[in-house]
């Protein structure tokens, strides 16, 4: 397993410099109050990891990995573990930078707002991961881009319809009692999402022929 994770990290090593440059650029923009750096950097981790699928395909990695003991399972597991590690590490760095930028710009730190924003970003990043990875394993990177576009487009359409025909305010009022437990609920939902996504990806990959 460790070897698979090292392989994924080695394949995206060249992107670490790009990620470092982006962190510096977005930090400067944050200091200039041009944007909130919380939203973009964690998502970049998933985008970078998606590029590793292209590297695997180009280097015929899949054909080799399936010949290794538990190669298929470890290959899928390493993708999820590496992505989660990168996401959480970058999220911690981003949170620290947000504290520093907030203090420099306002001489105070709104810990609650920054942490809630960061938590929401991590949850959104995990949601993207859980949707994209099974599609990539099923269709491949190139075809998956089309599938992902259609899914996002469909979600937008459904969301618009719900906003027009359903009174969401009543639903929000009914769920107001859950506000105190929102963080715990989202953590549990995130864990379930990632686990279900992983099991779906594993099932797809175990049956896939190369």
C-alpha atoms as a PDB file:
ATOM      1  CA  UNK A   1       0.000   0.000   0.000  1.00  0.00           C
ATOM      2  CA  UNK A   2       2.772   2.452   0.955  1.00  0.00           C
ATOM      3  CA  UNK A   3       4.426   1.758  -2.393  1.00  0.00           C
ATOM      4  CA  UNK A   4       1.239   2.661  -4.273  1.00  0.00           C
ATOM      5  CA  UNK A   5       0.915   5.929  -2.355  1.00  0.00           C
ATOM      6  CA  UNK A   6       4.568   6.774  -3.043  1.00  0.00           C
ATOM      7  CA  UNK A   7       3.932   6.047  -6.721  1.00  0.00           C
ATOM      8  CA  UNK A   8       1.003   8.470  -6.838  1.00  0.00           C
ATOM      9  CA  UNK A   9       3.000  11.155  -5.045  1.00  0.00           C
ATOM     10  CA  UNK A  10       5.973  10.640  -7.386  1.00  0.00           C
ATOM     11  CA  UNK A  11       3.753  10.945 -10.457  1.00  0.00           C
ATOM     12  CA  UNK A  12       2.307  14.280  -9.361  1.00  0.00           C
ATOM     13  CA  UNK A  13       5.562  15.572  -7.878  1.00  0.00           C
ATOM     14  CA  UNK A  14       5.967  18.069 -10.693  1.00  0.00           C
ATOM     15  CA  UNK A  15       2.622  19.607  -9.725  1.00  0.00           C
ATOM     16  CA  UNK A  16       3.776  20.363  -6.183  1.00  0.00           C
ATOM     17  CA  UNK A  17       5.770  23.360  -7.433  1.00  0.00           C
ATOM     18  CA  UNK A  18       2.675  24.614  -9.239  1.00  0.00           C
ATOM     19  CA  UNK A  19       0.620  24.140  -6.072  1.00  0.00           C
ATOM     20  CA  UNK A  20       3.254  26.034  -4.077  1.00  0.00           C
ATOM     21  CA  UNK A  21       3.203  28.906  -6.587  1.00  0.00           C
ATOM     22  CA  UNK A  22      -0.608  29.009  -6.439  1.00  0.00           C
ATOM     23  CA  UNK A  23      -0.525  29.142  -2.644  1.00  0.00           C
ATOM     24  CA  UNK A  24       1.817  32.151  -2.811  1.00  0.00           C
ATOM     25  CA  UNK A  25      -0.265  33.879  -5.519  1.00  0.00           C
ATOM     26  CA  UNK A  26      -3.566  33.356  -3.720  1.00  0.00           C
ATOM     27  CA  UNK A  27      -2.007  34.425  -0.410  1.00  0.00           C
ATOM     28  CA  UNK A  28      -0.892  37.703  -2.031  1.00  0.00           C
ATOM     29  CA  UNK A  29      -4.368  38.177  -3.524  1.00  0.00           C
ATOM     30  CA  UNK A  30      -5.837  37.507  -0.097  1.00  0.00           C
ATOM     31  CA  UNK A  31      -3.603  40.188   1.417  1.00  0.00           C
ATOM     32  CA  UNK A  32      -4.824  42.562  -1.293  1.00  0.00           C
ATOM     33  CA  UNK A  33      -8.399  41.540  -0.363  1.00  0.00           C
ATOM     34  CA  UNK A  34      -9.038  40.436  -3.946  1.00  0.00           C
ATOM     35  CA  UNK A  35     -10.305  36.967  -3.027  1.00  0.00           C
ATOM     36  CA  UNK A  36     -10.806  34.421  -0.256  1.00  0.00           C
ATOM     37  CA  UNK A  37      -8.094  31.748  -0.591  1.00  0.00           C
ATOM     38  CA  UNK A  38     -10.198  29.195   1.302  1.00  0.00           C
ATOM     39  CA  UNK A  39     -12.223  28.127  -1.708  1.00  0.00           C
ATOM     40  CA  UNK A  40      -9.743  27.255  -4.432  1.00  0.00           C
ATOM     41  CA  UNK A  41      -6.675  25.514  -2.981  1.00  0.00           C
ATOM     42  CA  UNK A  42      -8.273  22.305  -1.572  1.00  0.00           C
ATOM     43  CA  UNK A  43     -10.099  21.784  -4.873  1.00  0.00           C
ATOM     44  CA  UNK A  44      -6.745  21.999  -6.648  1.00  0.00           C
ATOM     45  CA  UNK A  45      -5.656  18.830  -4.823  1.00  0.00           C
ATOM     46  CA  UNK A  46      -8.453  16.829  -6.445  1.00  0.00           C
ATOM     47  CA  UNK A  47      -7.678  18.343  -9.847  1.00  0.00           C
ATOM     48  CA  UNK A  48      -3.992  17.445  -9.466  1.00  0.00           C
ATOM     49  CA  UNK A  49      -4.852  13.894  -8.404  1.00  0.00           C
ATOM     50  CA  UNK A  50      -7.126  13.503 -11.416  1.00  0.00           C
ATOM     51  CA  UNK A  51      -4.067  14.135 -13.581  1.00  0.00           C
ATOM     52  CA  UNK A  52      -2.492  11.031 -12.011  1.00  0.00           C
ATOM     53  CA  UNK A  53      -5.140   8.918 -13.758  1.00  0.00           C
ATOM     54  CA  UNK A  54      -3.857  10.246 -17.086  1.00  0.00           C
ATOM     55  CA  UNK A  55      -0.289   9.408 -16.071  1.00  0.00           C
ATOM     56  CA  UNK A  56      -1.378   5.889 -15.116  1.00  0.00           C
ATOM     57  CA  UNK A  57      -3.045   5.425 -18.481  1.00  0.00           C
ATOM     58  CA  UNK A  58      -0.067   6.814 -20.404  1.00  0.00           C
ATOM     59  CA  UNK A  59       2.432   4.604 -18.550  1.00  0.00           C
ATOM     60  CA  UNK A  60       0.218   1.470 -18.737  1.00  0.00           C
ATOM     61  CA  UNK A  61       0.220   1.309 -14.945  1.00  0.00           C
ATOM     62  CA  UNK A  62      -3.075  -0.547 -14.655  1.00  0.00           C
ATOM     63  CA  UNK A  63      -1.837  -3.545 -16.624  1.00  0.00           C
ATOM     64  CA  UNK A  64       1.154  -3.762 -14.265  1.00  0.00           C
ATOM     65  CA  UNK A  65      -0.695  -3.110 -10.991  1.00  0.00           C
ATOM     66  CA  UNK A  66      -3.206  -5.922 -11.499  1.00  0.00           C
ATOM     67  CA  UNK A  67      -0.314  -8.406 -11.558  1.00  0.00           C
ATOM     68  CA  UNK A  68       0.713  -7.407  -8.016  1.00  0.00           C
ATOM     69  CA  UNK A  69      -0.761  -8.957  -4.844  1.00  0.00           C
ATOM     70  CA  UNK A  70      -3.989  -7.068  -4.099  1.00  0.00           C
ATOM     71  CA  UNK A  71      -2.910  -4.727  -6.865  1.00  0.00           C
ATOM     72  CA  UNK A  72      -6.394  -3.680  -7.893  1.00  0.00           C
ATOM     73  CA  UNK A  73      -7.591  -2.930  -4.350  1.00  0.00           C
ATOM     74  CA  UNK A  74      -4.392  -1.157  -3.357  1.00  0.00           C
ATOM     75  CA  UNK A  75      -4.430   0.916  -6.542  1.00  0.00           C
ATOM     76  CA  UNK A  76      -7.901   2.289  -5.763  1.00  0.00           C
ATOM     77  CA  UNK A  77      -7.214   2.673  -2.058  1.00  0.00           C
ATOM     78  CA  UNK A  78      -4.000   4.626  -2.670  1.00  0.00           C
ATOM     79  CA  UNK A  79      -5.809   7.116  -4.914  1.00  0.00           C
ATOM     80  CA  UNK A  80      -8.337   7.912  -2.192  1.00  0.00           C
ATOM     81  CA  UNK A  81      -5.785   8.000   0.632  1.00  0.00           C
ATOM     82  CA  UNK A  82      -3.369  10.230  -1.307  1.00  0.00           C
ATOM     83  CA  UNK A  83      -6.148  12.623  -2.286  1.00  0.00           C
ATOM     84  CA  UNK A  84      -7.436  12.832   1.286  1.00  0.00           C
ATOM     85  CA  UNK A  85      -3.929  13.416   2.666  1.00  0.00           C
ATOM     86  CA  UNK A  86      -3.215  16.184   0.158  1.00  0.00           C
ATOM     87  CA  UNK A  87      -6.600  17.799   0.732  1.00  0.00           C
ATOM     88  CA  UNK A  88      -6.239  17.891   4.511  1.00  0.00           C
ATOM     89  CA  UNK A  89      -2.609  19.076   4.450  1.00  0.00           C
ATOM     90  CA  UNK A  90      -3.412  21.894   2.010  1.00  0.00           C
ATOM     91  CA  UNK A  91      -6.538  22.736   4.035  1.00  0.00           C
ATOM     92  CA  UNK A  92      -4.447  23.114   7.200  1.00  0.00           C
ATOM     93  CA  UNK A  93      -1.947  25.322   5.341  1.00  0.00           C
ATOM     94  CA  UNK A  94      -4.802  27.379   3.889  1.00  0.00           C
ATOM     95  CA  UNK A  95      -6.439  27.767   7.310  1.00  0.00           C
ATOM     96  CA  UNK A  96      -3.183  29.015   8.847  1.00  0.00           C
ATOM     97  CA  UNK A  97      -2.703  31.446   5.947  1.00  0.00           C
ATOM     98  CA  UNK A  98      -6.300  32.650   6.365  1.00  0.00           C
ATOM     99  CA  UNK A  99      -5.624  33.379  10.046  1.00  0.00           C
ATOM    100  CA  UNK A 100      -2.467  35.328   9.148  1.00  0.00           C
ATOM    101  CA  UNK A 101      -4.126  37.258   6.300  1.00  0.00           C
ATOM    102  CA  UNK A 102      -7.133  38.069   8.483  1.00  0.00           C
ATOM    103  CA  UNK A 103      -4.886  39.420  11.230  1.00  0.00           C
ATOM    104  CA  UNK A 104      -2.759  41.482   8.822  1.00  0.00           C
ATOM    105  CA  UNK A 105      -5.807  42.977   7.097  1.00  0.00           C
ATOM    106  CA  UNK A 106      -8.056  43.572  10.116  1.00  0.00           C
ATOM    107  CA  UNK A 107      -5.801  43.199  13.199  1.00  0.00           C
ATOM    108  CA  UNK A 108      -8.208  40.488  14.374  1.00  0.00           C
ATOM    109  CA  UNK A 109      -8.997  36.869  13.563  1.00  0.00           C
ATOM    110  CA  UNK A 110     -12.533  35.610  13.068  1.00  0.00           C
ATOM    111  CA  UNK A 111     -11.751  32.020  13.991  1.00  0.00           C
ATOM    112  CA  UNK A 112     -15.312  30.757  13.703  1.00  0.00           C
ATOM    113  CA  UNK A 113     -15.949  32.207  10.237  1.00  0.00           C
ATOM    114  CA  UNK A 114     -12.641  30.973   8.835  1.00  0.00           C
ATOM    115  CA  UNK A 115     -13.053  27.468  10.267  1.00  0.00           C
ATOM    116  CA  UNK A 116     -16.662  27.165   9.090  1.00  0.00           C
ATOM    117  CA  UNK A 117     -15.676  28.359   5.595  1.00  0.00           C
ATOM    118  CA  UNK A 118     -12.749  25.958   5.508  1.00  0.00           C
ATOM    119  CA  UNK A 119     -14.880  23.067   6.707  1.00  0.00           C
ATOM    120  CA  UNK A 120     -17.468  23.794   4.027  1.00  0.00           C
ATOM    121  CA  UNK A 121     -14.735  23.884   1.386  1.00  0.00           C
ATOM    122  CA  UNK A 122     -13.323  20.537   2.510  1.00  0.00           C
ATOM    123  CA  UNK A 123     -16.824  19.036   2.462  1.00  0.00           C
ATOM    124  CA  UNK A 124     -17.382  20.381  -1.059  1.00  0.00           C
ATOM    125  CA  UNK A 125     -14.013  19.006  -2.151  1.00  0.00           C
ATOM    126  CA  UNK A 126     -14.878  15.562  -0.800  1.00  0.00           C
ATOM    127  CA  UNK A 127     -18.236  15.739  -2.569  1.00  0.00           C
ATOM    128  CA  UNK A 128     -16.448  16.393  -5.868  1.00  0.00           C
ATOM    129  CA  UNK A 129     -14.054  13.516  -5.153  1.00  0.00           C
ATOM    130  CA  UNK A 130     -16.841  11.056  -4.361  1.00  0.00           C
ATOM    131  CA  UNK A 131     -18.660  11.882  -7.599  1.00  0.00           C
ATOM    132  CA  UNK A 132     -15.689  12.067  -9.945  1.00  0.00           C
ATOM    133  CA  UNK A 133     -13.586   9.051  -8.978  1.00  0.00           C
ATOM    134  CA  UNK A 134     -16.167   6.303  -9.675  1.00  0.00           C
ATOM    135  CA  UNK A 135     -16.963   7.964 -13.013  1.00  0.00           C
ATOM    136  CA  UNK A 136     -13.270   8.086 -13.923  1.00  0.00           C
ATOM    137  CA  UNK A 137     -12.792   4.425 -13.019  1.00  0.00           C
ATOM    138  CA  UNK A 138     -15.846   3.522 -15.080  1.00  0.00           C
ATOM    139  CA  UNK A 139     -15.328   5.680 -18.177  1.00  0.00           C
ATOM    140  CA  UNK A 140     -11.703   6.773 -18.090  1.00  0.00           C
ATOM    141  CA  UNK A 141     -10.462  10.348 -17.650  1.00  0.00           C
ATOM    142  CA  UNK A 142     -11.428  11.710 -21.061  1.00  0.00           C
ATOM    143  CA  UNK A 143     -14.981  10.339 -21.168  1.00  0.00           C
ATOM    144  CA  UNK A 144     -15.420  11.094 -17.473  1.00  0.00           C
ATOM    145  CA  UNK A 145     -15.058  14.830 -18.142  1.00  0.00           C
ATOM    146  CA  UNK A 146     -18.185  14.682 -20.304  1.00  0.00           C
ATOM    147  CA  UNK A 147     -20.041  12.612 -17.719  1.00  0.00           C
ATOM    148  CA  UNK A 148     -19.053  14.968 -14.916  1.00  0.00           C
ATOM    149  CA  UNK A 149     -20.199  17.978 -16.963  1.00  0.00           C
ATOM    150  CA  UNK A 150     -23.581  16.350 -17.544  1.00  0.00           C
ATOM    151  CA  UNK A 151     -23.951  15.504 -13.839  1.00  0.00           C
ATOM    152  CA  UNK A 152     -23.062  19.045 -12.735  1.00  0.00           C
ATOM    153  CA  UNK A 153     -25.409  20.467 -15.381  1.00  0.00           C
ATOM    154  CA  UNK A 154     -28.168  18.148 -14.169  1.00  0.00           C
ATOM    155  CA  UNK A 155     -27.612  19.169 -10.534  1.00  0.00           C
ATOM    156  CA  UNK A 156     -27.850  22.842 -11.510  1.00  0.00           C
ATOM    157  CA  UNK A 157     -31.103  22.231 -13.418  1.00  0.00           C
ATOM    158  CA  UNK A 158     -32.632  20.218 -10.560  1.00  0.00           C
ATOM    159  CA  UNK A 159     -31.513  22.862  -8.059  1.00  0.00           C
ATOM    160  CA  UNK A 160     -33.111  25.612 -10.142  1.00  0.00           C
ATOM    161  CA  UNK A 161     -36.370  23.676 -10.400  1.00  0.00           C
ATOM    162  CA  UNK A 162     -36.442  23.038  -6.664  1.00  0.00           C
ATOM    163  CA  UNK A 163     -35.765  26.711  -5.966  1.00  0.00           C
ATOM    164  CA  UNK A 164     -38.667  27.730  -8.216  1.00  0.00           C
ATOM    165  CA  UNK A 165     -41.271  25.164  -7.199  1.00  0.00           C
ATOM    166  CA  UNK A 166     -40.364  24.206  -3.621  1.00  0.00           C
ATOM    167  CA  UNK A 167     -40.502  26.535  -0.636  1.00  0.00           C
ATOM    168  CA  UNK A 168     -37.055  25.871   0.787  1.00  0.00           C
ATOM    169  CA  UNK A 169     -37.566  28.309   3.661  1.00  0.00           C
ATOM    170  CA  UNK A 170     -40.055  25.960   5.323  1.00  0.00           C
ATOM    171  CA  UNK A 171     -37.641  23.052   4.942  1.00  0.00           C
ATOM    172  CA  UNK A 172     -34.816  25.108   6.458  1.00  0.00           C
ATOM    173  CA  UNK A 173     -37.037  26.095   9.388  1.00  0.00           C
ATOM    174  CA  UNK A 174     -37.962  22.460   9.952  1.00  0.00           C
ATOM    175  CA  UNK A 175     -34.286  21.524  10.026  1.00  0.00           C
ATOM    176  CA  UNK A 176     -33.266  24.436  12.256  1.00  0.00           C
ATOM    177  CA  UNK A 177     -33.109  22.149  15.301  1.00  0.00           C
ATOM    178  CA  UNK A 178     -30.190  20.321  13.656  1.00  0.00           C
ATOM    179  CA  UNK A 179     -28.048  23.471  13.549  1.00  0.00           C
ATOM    180  CA  UNK A 180     -26.215  22.642  16.773  1.00  0.00           C
ATOM    181  CA  UNK A 181     -25.260  19.249  15.366  1.00  0.00           C
ATOM    182  CA  UNK A 182     -24.486  20.406  11.813  1.00  0.00           C
ATOM    183  CA  UNK A 183     -20.719  19.880  12.002  1.00  0.00           C
ATOM    184  CA  UNK A 184     -21.087  16.361  13.387  1.00  0.00           C
ATOM    185  CA  UNK A 185     -23.721  15.504  10.772  1.00  0.00           C
ATOM    186  CA  UNK A 186     -21.548  16.794   7.920  1.00  0.00           C
ATOM    187  CA  UNK A 187     -18.532  14.844   9.194  1.00  0.00           C
ATOM    188  CA  UNK A 188     -20.591  11.637   9.293  1.00  0.00           C
ATOM    189  CA  UNK A 189     -22.052  12.365   5.849  1.00  0.00           C
ATOM    190  CA  UNK A 190     -18.547  13.019   4.459  1.00  0.00           C
ATOM    191  CA  UNK A 191     -17.212   9.744   5.883  1.00  0.00           C
ATOM    192  CA  UNK A 192     -20.151   7.821   4.423  1.00  0.00           C
ATOM    193  CA  UNK A 193     -19.792   9.551   1.039  1.00  0.00           C
ATOM    194  CA  UNK A 194     -16.098   8.753   0.757  1.00  0.00           C
ATOM    195  CA  UNK A 195     -16.572   5.151   1.880  1.00  0.00           C
ATOM    196  CA  UNK A 196     -19.445   4.490  -0.545  1.00  0.00           C
ATOM    197  CA  UNK A 197     -17.526   6.170  -3.379  1.00  0.00           C
ATOM    198  CA  UNK A 198     -14.443   4.082  -2.580  1.00  0.00           C
ATOM    199  CA  UNK A 199     -16.396   0.821  -2.543  1.00  0.00           C
ATOM    200  CA  UNK A 200     -18.067   1.684  -5.867  1.00  0.00           C
ATOM    201  CA  UNK A 201     -14.698   2.540  -7.439  1.00  0.00           C
ATOM    202  CA  UNK A 202     -13.173  -0.654  -6.060  1.00  0.00           C
ATOM    203  CA  UNK A 203     -16.029  -2.766  -7.426  1.00  0.00           C
ATOM    204  CA  UNK A 204     -15.683  -1.143 -10.865  1.00  0.00           C
ATOM    205  CA  UNK A 205     -11.910  -1.577 -10.935  1.00  0.00           C
ATOM    206  CA  UNK A 206     -12.010  -5.184  -9.782  1.00  0.00           C
ATOM    207  CA  UNK A 207     -14.195  -6.086 -12.774  1.00  0.00           C
ATOM    208  CA  UNK A 208     -12.372  -3.927 -15.309  1.00  0.00           C
ATOM    209  CA  UNK A 209     -10.292  -5.591 -18.009  1.00  0.00           C
ATOM    210  CA  UNK A 210      -7.004  -4.213 -19.320  1.00  0.00           C
END
